[in-house]
Amino acid sequence: MSATADRLTQEINLLQQYALRYAVLAAWRDELGTRRVPVDPAVGQKLETARVRIASGCVSVCEMGCALGEIEGMLASADASSSKTAVDFWLEMLGRAMIGSTMVEQLLNLPSVKFHYSGCGLTGCACGR
């Protein structure tokens, strides 16, 4: 397999993992709402933007990692400040999502985002810009 084909396969696999990671983050946000834990209102908009970008398949995997990492930090911070924190559970689910465990979808009863890889050739990334 050529280096280009290897890179393409890696990008698609990573986007699949990020699609599942997104689902875990959305479920975590919903669960925090059920527990009435205050969450920064920006989380909802950031989740929606991430979903649309993943679904389009035309996104830098680096930038998506940055965006999902930011959302994860916001949710972890909100959850850690609650009286009945579930941070450990959610971090475990995020870890399983990044190894592509189908158990995550089954446990959360929430499918990952479906996407069509567009191969837009987006390169470069700098988190926090």
N, C-alpha and C. Protein backbone atom coordinates (compact mmCIF):
# COMPACT_ATOMS: atom_id res chain seq x y z
N MET A 1 0.85 -1.17 0.00
CA MET A 1 0.00 0.00 0.00
C MET A 1 0.90 1.24 0.00
N SER A 2 0.54 2.25 -0.77
CA SER A 2 1.35 3.46 -0.87
C SER A 2 1.18 4.33 0.36
N ALA A 3 2.10 5.27 0.52
CA ALA A 3 2.03 6.19 1.65
C ALA A 3 0.76 7.01 1.60
N THR A 4 0.33 7.39 0.41
CA THR A 4 -0.91 8.16 0.26
C THR A 4 -2.12 7.34 0.67
N ALA A 5 -2.16 6.09 0.28
CA ALA A 5 -3.27 5.21 0.66
C ALA A 5 -3.27 4.96 2.16
N ASP A 6 -2.09 4.79 2.74
CA ASP A 6 -1.98 4.62 4.20
C ASP A 6 -2.52 5.84 4.93
N ARG A 7 -2.16 7.02 4.44
CA ARG A 7 -2.61 8.27 5.09
C ARG A 7 -4.13 8.40 4.97
N LEU A 8 -4.67 8.07 3.81
CA LEU A 8 -6.11 8.13 3.60
C LEU A 8 -6.83 7.19 4.57
N THR A 9 -6.33 5.97 4.69
CA THR A 9 -6.92 4.99 5.61
C THR A 9 -6.86 5.50 7.04
N GLN A 10 -5.75 6.07 7.44
CA GLN A 10 -5.59 6.60 8.80
C GLN A 10 -6.57 7.75 9.05
N GLU A 11 -6.71 8.65 8.08
CA GLU A 11 -7.63 9.78 8.24
C GLU A 11 -9.07 9.29 8.38
N ILE A 12 -9.47 8.33 7.56
CA ILE A 12 -10.84 7.81 7.64
C ILE A 12 -11.07 7.12 8.97
N ASN A 13 -10.12 6.31 9.41
CA ASN A 13 -10.25 5.64 10.71
C ASN A 13 -10.35 6.64 11.84
N LEU A 14 -9.54 7.68 11.79
CA LEU A 14 -9.57 8.69 12.84
C LEU A 14 -10.88 9.45 12.84
N LEU A 15 -11.39 9.77 11.66
CA LEU A 15 -12.69 10.44 11.59
C LEU A 15 -13.80 9.55 12.15
N GLN A 16 -13.72 8.24 11.91
CA GLN A 16 -14.71 7.32 12.49
C GLN A 16 -14.63 7.35 14.02
N GLN A 17 -13.42 7.37 14.55
CA GLN A 17 -13.24 7.44 16.00
C GLN A 17 -13.77 8.76 16.53
N TYR A 18 -13.50 9.85 15.82
CA TYR A 18 -14.00 11.16 16.26
C TYR A 18 -15.52 11.23 16.18
N ALA A 19 -16.12 10.56 15.20
CA ALA A 19 -17.58 10.53 15.10
C ALA A 19 -18.18 9.85 16.33
N LEU A 20 -17.54 8.81 16.78
CA LEU A 20 -18.01 8.12 18.00
C LEU A 20 -17.69 8.96 19.23
N ARG A 21 -16.55 9.61 19.25
CA ARG A 21 -16.18 10.50 20.36
C ARG A 21 -17.21 11.62 20.49
N TYR A 22 -17.62 12.18 19.35
CA TYR A 22 -18.65 13.20 19.35
C TYR A 22 -19.92 12.67 20.04
N ALA A 23 -20.33 11.46 19.69
CA ALA A 23 -21.55 10.87 20.26
C ALA A 23 -21.43 10.75 21.77
N VAL A 24 -20.25 10.37 22.26
CA VAL A 24 -20.04 10.26 23.71
C VAL A 24 -20.16 11.64 24.34
N LEU A 25 -19.54 12.64 23.73
CA LEU A 25 -19.61 13.99 24.28
C LEU A 25 -21.05 14.52 24.30
N ALA A 26 -21.81 14.24 23.25
CA ALA A 26 -23.21 14.67 23.21
C ALA A 26 -24.02 13.97 24.30
N ALA A 27 -23.76 12.68 24.49
CA ALA A 27 -24.46 11.93 25.54
C ALA A 27 -24.08 12.47 26.91
N TRP A 28 -22.81 12.80 27.10
CA TRP A 28 -22.34 13.35 28.38
C TRP A 28 -23.04 14.68 28.67
N ARG A 29 -23.13 15.54 27.65
CA ARG A 29 -23.81 16.82 27.82
C ARG A 29 -25.27 16.60 28.20
N ASP A 30 -25.93 15.64 27.53
CA ASP A 30 -27.33 15.35 27.83
C ASP A 30 -27.48 14.82 29.25
N GLU A 31 -26.56 13.95 29.67
CA GLU A 31 -26.62 13.38 31.02
C GLU A 31 -26.40 14.46 32.07
N LEU A 32 -25.52 15.41 31.79
CA LEU A 32 -25.32 16.52 32.73
C LEU A 32 -26.60 17.35 32.84
N GLY A 33 -27.28 17.53 31.72
CA GLY A 33 -28.55 18.26 31.74
C GLY A 33 -29.59 17.54 32.58
N THR A 34 -29.63 16.21 32.48
CA THR A 34 -30.55 15.41 33.28
C THR A 34 -30.27 15.58 34.76
N ARG A 35 -28.97 15.66 35.10
CA ARG A 35 -28.58 15.86 36.51
C ARG A 35 -28.62 17.33 36.92
N ARG A 36 -29.01 18.19 35.99
CA ARG A 36 -29.12 19.63 36.23
C ARG A 36 -27.79 20.27 36.64
N VAL A 37 -26.73 19.78 36.01
CA VAL A 37 -25.40 20.35 36.22
C VAL A 37 -25.24 21.48 35.22
N PRO A 38 -24.92 22.68 35.70
CA PRO A 38 -24.75 23.81 34.77
C PRO A 38 -23.58 23.56 33.81
N VAL A 39 -23.85 23.76 32.53
CA VAL A 39 -22.84 23.59 31.48
C VAL A 39 -22.79 24.89 30.69
N ASP A 40 -21.59 25.30 30.35
CA ASP A 40 -21.40 26.50 29.54
C ASP A 40 -22.30 26.41 28.30
N PRO A 41 -23.12 27.41 28.03
CA PRO A 41 -24.02 27.37 26.86
C PRO A 41 -23.27 27.20 25.54
N ALA A 42 -22.02 27.57 25.48
CA ALA A 42 -21.23 27.43 24.25
C ALA A 42 -21.02 25.98 23.87
N VAL A 43 -21.16 25.05 24.82
CA VAL A 43 -20.95 23.64 24.54
C VAL A 43 -21.93 23.16 23.45
N GLY A 44 -23.18 23.56 23.55
CA GLY A 44 -24.18 23.14 22.56
C GLY A 44 -23.80 23.57 21.15
N GLN A 45 -23.38 24.81 21.00
CA GLN A 45 -22.99 25.32 19.68
C GLN A 45 -21.73 24.63 19.18
N LYS A 46 -20.77 24.40 20.07
CA LYS A 46 -19.53 23.73 19.69
C LYS A 46 -19.81 22.28 19.27
N LEU A 47 -20.72 21.62 19.96
CA LEU A 47 -21.10 20.26 19.57
C LEU A 47 -21.77 20.24 18.20
N GLU A 48 -22.66 21.18 17.95
CA GLU A 48 -23.35 21.22 16.67
C GLU A 48 -22.36 21.50 15.53
N THR A 49 -21.44 22.42 15.75
CA THR A 49 -20.43 22.71 14.74
C THR A 49 -19.57 21.48 14.47
N ALA A 50 -19.18 20.78 15.52
CA ALA A 50 -18.36 19.57 15.37
C ALA A 50 -19.13 18.50 14.60
N ARG A 51 -20.41 18.33 14.90
CA ARG A 51 -21.23 17.33 14.21
C ARG A 51 -21.30 17.62 12.72
N VAL A 52 -21.55 18.85 12.38
CA VAL A 52 -21.66 19.23 10.97
C VAL A 52 -20.33 19.02 10.25
N ARG A 53 -19.25 19.39 10.89
CA ARG A 53 -17.93 19.24 10.27
C ARG A 53 -17.57 17.77 10.08
N ILE A 54 -17.87 16.94 11.08
CA ILE A 54 -17.59 15.51 10.94
C ILE A 54 -18.45 14.92 9.82
N ALA A 55 -19.74 15.25 9.82
CA ALA A 55 -20.66 14.70 8.82
C ALA A 55 -20.23 15.08 7.41
N SER A 56 -19.67 16.27 7.25
CA SER A 56 -19.25 16.71 5.91
C SER A 56 -18.07 15.90 5.40
N GLY A 57 -17.27 15.37 6.33
CA GLY A 57 -16.09 14.61 5.94
C GLY A 57 -14.97 15.47 5.39
N CYS A 58 -15.17 16.77 5.43
CA CYS A 58 -14.19 17.71 4.88
C CYS A 58 -13.63 18.56 6.03
N VAL A 59 -12.83 17.89 6.86
CA VAL A 59 -12.29 18.57 8.04
C VAL A 59 -10.92 18.00 8.35
N SER A 60 -10.07 18.84 8.82
CA SER A 60 -8.75 18.39 9.25
C SER A 60 -8.92 17.56 10.52
N VAL A 61 -8.35 16.36 10.55
CA VAL A 61 -8.48 15.53 11.74
C VAL A 61 -7.82 16.21 12.94
N CYS A 62 -6.77 16.97 12.70
CA CYS A 62 -6.11 17.69 13.79
C CYS A 62 -7.06 18.74 14.39
N GLU A 63 -7.68 19.53 13.52
CA GLU A 63 -8.60 20.55 14.00
C GLU A 63 -9.79 19.93 14.73
N MET A 64 -10.27 18.78 14.25
CA MET A 64 -11.40 18.12 14.90
C MET A 64 -10.98 17.63 16.27
N GLY A 65 -9.77 17.10 16.37
CA GLY A 65 -9.25 16.67 17.66
C GLY A 65 -9.19 17.82 18.65
N CYS A 66 -8.76 18.97 18.16
CA CYS A 66 -8.71 20.17 19.01
C CYS A 66 -10.10 20.58 19.48
N ALA A 67 -11.04 20.61 18.54
CA ALA A 67 -12.41 21.03 18.86
C ALA A 67 -13.06 20.08 19.87
N LEU A 68 -12.91 18.78 19.64
CA LEU A 68 -13.51 17.81 20.57
C LEU A 68 -12.81 17.84 21.92
N GLY A 69 -11.51 18.08 21.92
CA GLY A 69 -10.77 18.20 23.18
C GLY A 69 -11.25 19.38 24.01
N GLU A 70 -11.56 20.48 23.33
CA GLU A 70 -12.08 21.66 24.04
C GLU A 70 -13.43 21.36 24.68
N ILE A 71 -14.30 20.71 23.92
CA ILE A 71 -15.62 20.34 24.45
C ILE A 71 -15.47 19.39 25.63
N GLU A 72 -14.59 18.41 25.48
CA GLU A 72 -14.34 17.45 26.57
C GLU A 72 -13.90 18.17 27.84
N GLY A 73 -13.02 19.14 27.70
CA GLY A 73 -12.55 19.90 28.86
C GLY A 73 -13.68 20.66 29.53
N MET A 74 -14.55 21.24 28.74
CA MET A 74 -15.68 22.00 29.29
C MET A 74 -16.63 21.08 30.05
N LEU A 75 -16.90 19.91 29.47
CA LEU A 75 -17.81 18.96 30.13
C LEU A 75 -17.18 18.37 31.39
N ALA A 76 -15.91 18.03 31.31
CA ALA A 76 -15.22 17.47 32.49
C ALA A 76 -15.20 18.47 33.63
N SER A 77 -14.96 19.73 33.30
CA SER A 77 -14.94 20.77 34.32
C SER A 77 -16.31 20.92 34.98
N ALA A 78 -17.35 20.95 34.17
CA ALA A 78 -18.71 21.07 34.71
C ALA A 78 -19.05 19.87 35.58
N ASP A 79 -18.73 18.67 35.10
CA ASP A 79 -19.07 17.45 35.83
C ASP A 79 -18.27 17.35 37.13
N ALA A 80 -17.00 17.70 37.08
CA ALA A 80 -16.16 17.60 38.27
C ALA A 80 -16.63 18.52 39.38
N SER A 81 -17.34 19.58 39.02
CA SER A 81 -17.83 20.52 40.04
C SER A 81 -19.19 20.10 40.60
N SER A 82 -19.75 19.00 40.09
CA SER A 82 -21.05 18.54 40.57
C SER A 82 -20.89 17.66 41.80
N SER A 83 -21.98 17.48 42.52
CA SER A 83 -21.92 16.69 43.76
C SER A 83 -21.82 15.19 43.48
N LYS A 84 -22.36 14.73 42.36
CA LYS A 84 -22.30 13.30 42.01
C LYS A 84 -21.59 13.16 40.67
N THR A 85 -20.31 13.39 40.68
CA THR A 85 -19.53 13.39 39.45
C THR A 85 -19.48 12.01 38.79
N ALA A 86 -19.47 12.02 37.47
CA ALA A 86 -19.36 10.79 36.69
C ALA A 86 -18.22 10.91 35.68
N VAL A 87 -17.26 11.78 35.99
CA VAL A 87 -16.15 12.04 35.07
C VAL A 87 -15.43 10.76 34.68
N ASP A 88 -15.13 9.89 35.63
CA ASP A 88 -14.38 8.67 35.32
C ASP A 88 -15.12 7.80 34.30
N PHE A 89 -16.42 7.65 34.46
CA PHE A 89 -17.21 6.87 33.51
C PHE A 89 -17.09 7.45 32.11
N TRP A 90 -17.29 8.77 31.98
CA TRP A 90 -17.27 9.40 30.67
C TRP A 90 -15.88 9.38 30.05
N LEU A 91 -14.86 9.55 30.84
CA LEU A 91 -13.50 9.47 30.29
C LEU A 91 -13.21 8.06 29.78
N GLU A 92 -13.73 7.05 30.48
CA GLU A 92 -13.57 5.68 30.00
C GLU A 92 -14.30 5.49 28.67
N MET A 93 -15.50 6.04 28.56
CA MET A 93 -16.25 5.94 27.30
C MET A 93 -15.50 6.64 26.16
N LEU A 94 -14.91 7.79 26.46
CA LEU A 94 -14.15 8.51 25.44
C LEU A 94 -12.93 7.69 25.01
N GLY A 95 -12.28 7.06 25.95
CA GLY A 95 -11.13 6.21 25.63
C GLY A 95 -11.55 5.05 24.75
N ARG A 96 -12.67 4.44 25.07
CA ARG A 96 -13.17 3.32 24.27
C ARG A 96 -13.56 3.78 22.87
N ALA A 97 -14.11 5.00 22.79
CA ALA A 97 -14.48 5.54 21.48
C ALA A 97 -13.25 5.69 20.59
N MET A 98 -12.13 6.06 21.19
CA MET A 98 -10.93 6.29 20.40
C MET A 98 -10.23 4.99 20.00
N ILE A 99 -10.67 3.86 20.53
CA ILE A 99 -10.14 2.59 20.03
C ILE A 99 -11.19 1.91 19.15
N GLY A 100 -12.30 2.63 18.90
CA GLY A 100 -13.31 2.13 17.99
C GLY A 100 -14.21 1.05 18.56
N SER A 101 -14.40 1.04 19.86
CA SER A 101 -15.22 0.02 20.50
C SER A 101 -16.70 0.21 20.18
N THR A 102 -17.31 -0.80 19.57
CA THR A 102 -18.74 -0.74 19.28
C THR A 102 -19.56 -0.83 20.57
N MET A 103 -18.94 -1.27 21.64
CA MET A 103 -19.62 -1.34 22.93
C MET A 103 -20.13 0.04 23.35
N VAL A 104 -19.42 1.08 22.96
CA VAL A 104 -19.81 2.44 23.34
C VAL A 104 -21.17 2.78 22.75
N GLU A 105 -21.36 2.52 21.46
CA GLU A 105 -22.65 2.80 20.83
C GLU A 105 -23.77 2.00 21.47
N GLN A 106 -23.49 0.74 21.79
CA GLN A 106 -24.50 -0.12 22.40
C GLN A 106 -24.85 0.35 23.80
N LEU A 107 -23.83 0.70 24.59
CA LEU A 107 -24.05 1.12 25.97
C LEU A 107 -24.82 2.44 26.03
N LEU A 108 -24.45 3.38 25.19
CA LEU A 108 -25.08 4.70 25.22
C LEU A 108 -26.36 4.75 24.39
N ASN A 109 -26.57 3.71 23.57
CA ASN A 109 -27.72 3.68 22.66
C ASN A 109 -27.78 4.97 21.84
N LEU A 110 -26.61 5.38 21.37
CA LEU A 110 -26.48 6.60 20.59
C LEU A 110 -25.46 6.35 19.50
N PRO A 111 -25.87 6.40 18.23
CA PRO A 111 -24.93 6.10 17.15
C PRO A 111 -23.94 7.22 16.92
N SER A 112 -22.81 6.85 16.34
CA SER A 112 -21.83 7.87 15.97
C SER A 112 -22.35 8.64 14.76
N VAL A 113 -21.73 9.75 14.48
CA VAL A 113 -22.11 10.58 13.34
C VAL A 113 -21.72 9.86 12.05
N LYS A 114 -22.64 9.78 11.13
CA LYS A 114 -22.35 9.19 9.82
C LYS A 114 -21.71 10.27 8.95
N PHE A 115 -20.67 9.89 8.23
CA PHE A 115 -19.99 10.87 7.39
C PHE A 115 -19.57 10.25 6.08
N HIS A 116 -19.32 11.11 5.13
CA HIS A 116 -18.78 10.71 3.83
C HIS A 116 -17.43 11.40 3.73
N TYR A 117 -16.37 10.61 3.64
CA TYR A 117 -15.04 11.20 3.56
C TYR A 117 -14.90 11.95 2.24
N SER A 118 -14.63 13.23 2.33
CA SER A 118 -14.55 14.06 1.13
C SER A 118 -13.13 14.28 0.64
N GLY A 119 -12.14 14.01 1.50
CA GLY A 119 -10.75 14.16 1.08
C GLY A 119 -10.45 15.55 0.54
N CYS A 120 -10.82 16.55 1.27
CA CYS A 120 -10.66 17.93 0.81
C CYS A 120 -9.21 18.41 0.77
N GLY A 121 -8.32 17.60 1.30
CA GLY A 121 -6.91 17.99 1.28
C GLY A 121 -6.56 19.05 2.30
N LEU A 122 -7.34 19.14 3.34
CA LEU A 122 -7.05 20.13 4.38
C LEU A 122 -5.81 19.69 5.15
N THR A 123 -4.91 20.60 5.31
CA THR A 123 -3.69 20.28 6.03
C THR A 123 -3.39 21.37 7.05
N GLY A 124 -2.46 21.07 7.92
CA GLY A 124 -2.05 22.05 8.92
C GLY A 124 -3.06 22.15 10.03
N CYS A 125 -2.56 22.54 11.16
CA CYS A 125 -3.42 22.67 12.32
C CYS A 125 -2.68 23.36 13.43
N ALA A 126 -3.38 24.17 14.15
CA ALA A 126 -2.83 24.77 15.36
C ALA A 126 -3.99 24.97 16.32
N CYS A 127 -4.01 24.20 17.39
CA CYS A 127 -5.07 24.34 18.39
C CYS A 127 -4.94 25.70 19.07
N GLY A 128 -6.09 26.26 19.40
CA GLY A 128 -6.10 27.49 20.18
C GLY A 128 -5.94 28.76 19.37
N ARG A 129 -6.05 28.67 18.07
CA ARG A 129 -5.95 29.89 17.27
C ARG A 129 -7.25 30.62 17.28
